[in-house]
Protein backbone atom coordinates (compact mmCIF):
# COMPACT_ATOMS: atom_id res chain seq x y z
CA MET A 1 -35.63 -86.28 18.48
CA LEU A 2 -36.96 -89.61 17.32
CA ASP A 3 -35.91 -90.60 13.81
CA ARG A 4 -39.51 -91.14 12.72
CA GLU A 5 -40.43 -87.67 14.01
CA ALA A 6 -37.42 -86.16 12.23
CA VAL A 7 -38.76 -87.68 9.02
CA ARG A 8 -42.33 -86.61 9.76
CA PHE A 9 -41.57 -82.90 10.17
CA LEU A 10 -39.77 -80.43 7.93
CA ILE A 11 -38.88 -77.46 10.13
CA SER A 12 -37.71 -74.06 8.89
CA GLU A 13 -36.39 -71.75 11.60
CA TRP A 14 -37.08 -68.02 11.49
CA ALA A 15 -36.07 -65.17 13.78
CA ASP A 16 -39.55 -65.02 15.33
CA GLY A 17 -40.40 -68.75 15.36
CA CYS A 18 -40.57 -71.50 12.78
CA THR A 19 -42.73 -73.16 10.19
CA VAL A 20 -43.42 -76.86 10.46
CA TYR A 21 -44.52 -78.97 7.52
CA ASP A 22 -46.18 -82.17 8.73
CA ARG A 23 -45.61 -84.85 6.12
CA ARG A 24 -48.14 -87.18 7.78
CA TYR A 25 -51.08 -84.80 7.29
CA GLY A 26 -49.77 -82.43 4.62
CA ASP A 27 -50.28 -79.41 6.87
CA THR A 28 -47.99 -76.42 7.38
CA HIS A 29 -47.98 -74.57 10.70
CA ALA A 30 -46.43 -71.23 11.68
CA LEU A 31 -45.28 -71.28 15.30
CA ASN A 32 -44.23 -68.25 17.31
CA HIS A 33 -40.92 -68.35 19.19
CA LEU A 34 -42.39 -69.72 22.44
CA THR A 35 -44.58 -72.37 20.81
CA ALA A 36 -41.63 -73.45 18.65
CA ALA A 37 -39.49 -73.87 21.79
CA VAL A 38 -42.25 -75.93 23.45
CA PHE A 39 -42.53 -78.03 20.28
CA ARG A 40 -38.78 -78.75 20.21
CA LEU A 41 -38.82 -79.82 23.87
CA ALA A 42 -41.90 -81.99 23.37
CA LEU A 43 -40.21 -83.76 20.45
CA ALA A 44 -36.92 -84.18 22.31
CA ALA A 45 -38.56 -85.59 25.44
CA PRO A 46 -42.00 -87.03 24.65
CA GLY A 47 -44.15 -87.32 27.74
CA SER A 48 -42.53 -84.39 29.54
CA CYS A 49 -45.01 -82.75 31.87
CA ARG A 50 -45.98 -79.12 31.45
CA ALA A 51 -44.22 -78.15 34.69
CA THR A 52 -40.93 -79.57 33.40
CA ILE A 53 -41.29 -77.76 30.07
CA ALA A 54 -42.23 -74.52 31.86
CA ALA A 55 -39.21 -74.76 34.16
CA GLN A 56 -36.84 -75.48 31.28
CA LEU A 57 -38.10 -72.55 29.22
CA ALA A 58 -38.51 -70.02 32.05
CA GLU A 59 -34.83 -69.13 32.04
CA GLU A 60 -34.58 -68.98 28.24
CA PHE A 61 -37.51 -66.55 28.10
CA SER A 62 -36.55 -64.63 31.27
CA ALA A 63 -39.87 -65.56 32.83
CA LEU A 64 -40.78 -66.38 36.39
CA ASN A 65 -41.88 -69.98 36.72
CA SER A 66 -45.28 -68.86 38.01
CA PRO A 67 -48.86 -70.07 37.53
CA GLU A 68 -49.23 -67.48 34.76
CA TRP A 69 -46.15 -68.85 32.98
CA ILE A 70 -47.47 -72.41 33.26
CA SER A 71 -50.79 -71.21 31.79
CA THR A 72 -48.85 -69.75 28.85
CA ILE A 73 -47.08 -73.08 28.35
CA ASP A 74 -50.47 -74.84 28.57
CA LEU A 75 -51.78 -72.65 25.74
CA ALA A 76 -48.77 -73.50 23.58
CA LEU A 77 -49.21 -77.22 24.31
CA GLU A 78 -52.92 -76.99 23.52
CA GLN A 79 -52.14 -75.32 20.18
CA LEU A 80 -49.66 -78.09 19.33
CA VAL A 81 -52.14 -80.84 20.27
CA ASN A 82 -54.97 -79.20 18.32
CA SER A 83 -52.66 -78.90 15.31
CA ARG A 84 -51.80 -82.62 15.61
CA LEU A 85 -48.11 -81.83 15.98
CA ILE A 86 -47.89 -83.61 19.33
CA GLN A 87 -50.11 -86.02 21.21
CA GLY A 88 -51.96 -84.88 24.29
CA GLN A 89 -51.18 -86.47 27.62
CA SER A 90 -53.59 -89.13 28.82
């Protein structure tokens, strides 16, 4: 994770996900387990494509890396972008 991003976010882990306090905007977000995992990967490897994130998480979540799974990852990414926690891909 980038140092500036580590400073930007205060993350509290929970059994079913995490809460993220965004110091830049003063917002707090509750993320479910899957969205939290997508968030961690997006922070660790900015610019990762959705297919890469889906493949990396498919095993962790015992999911088939199928079009439906990629759609689920897309929804999580969209939530993170809309919440201003990550930047959308250009």
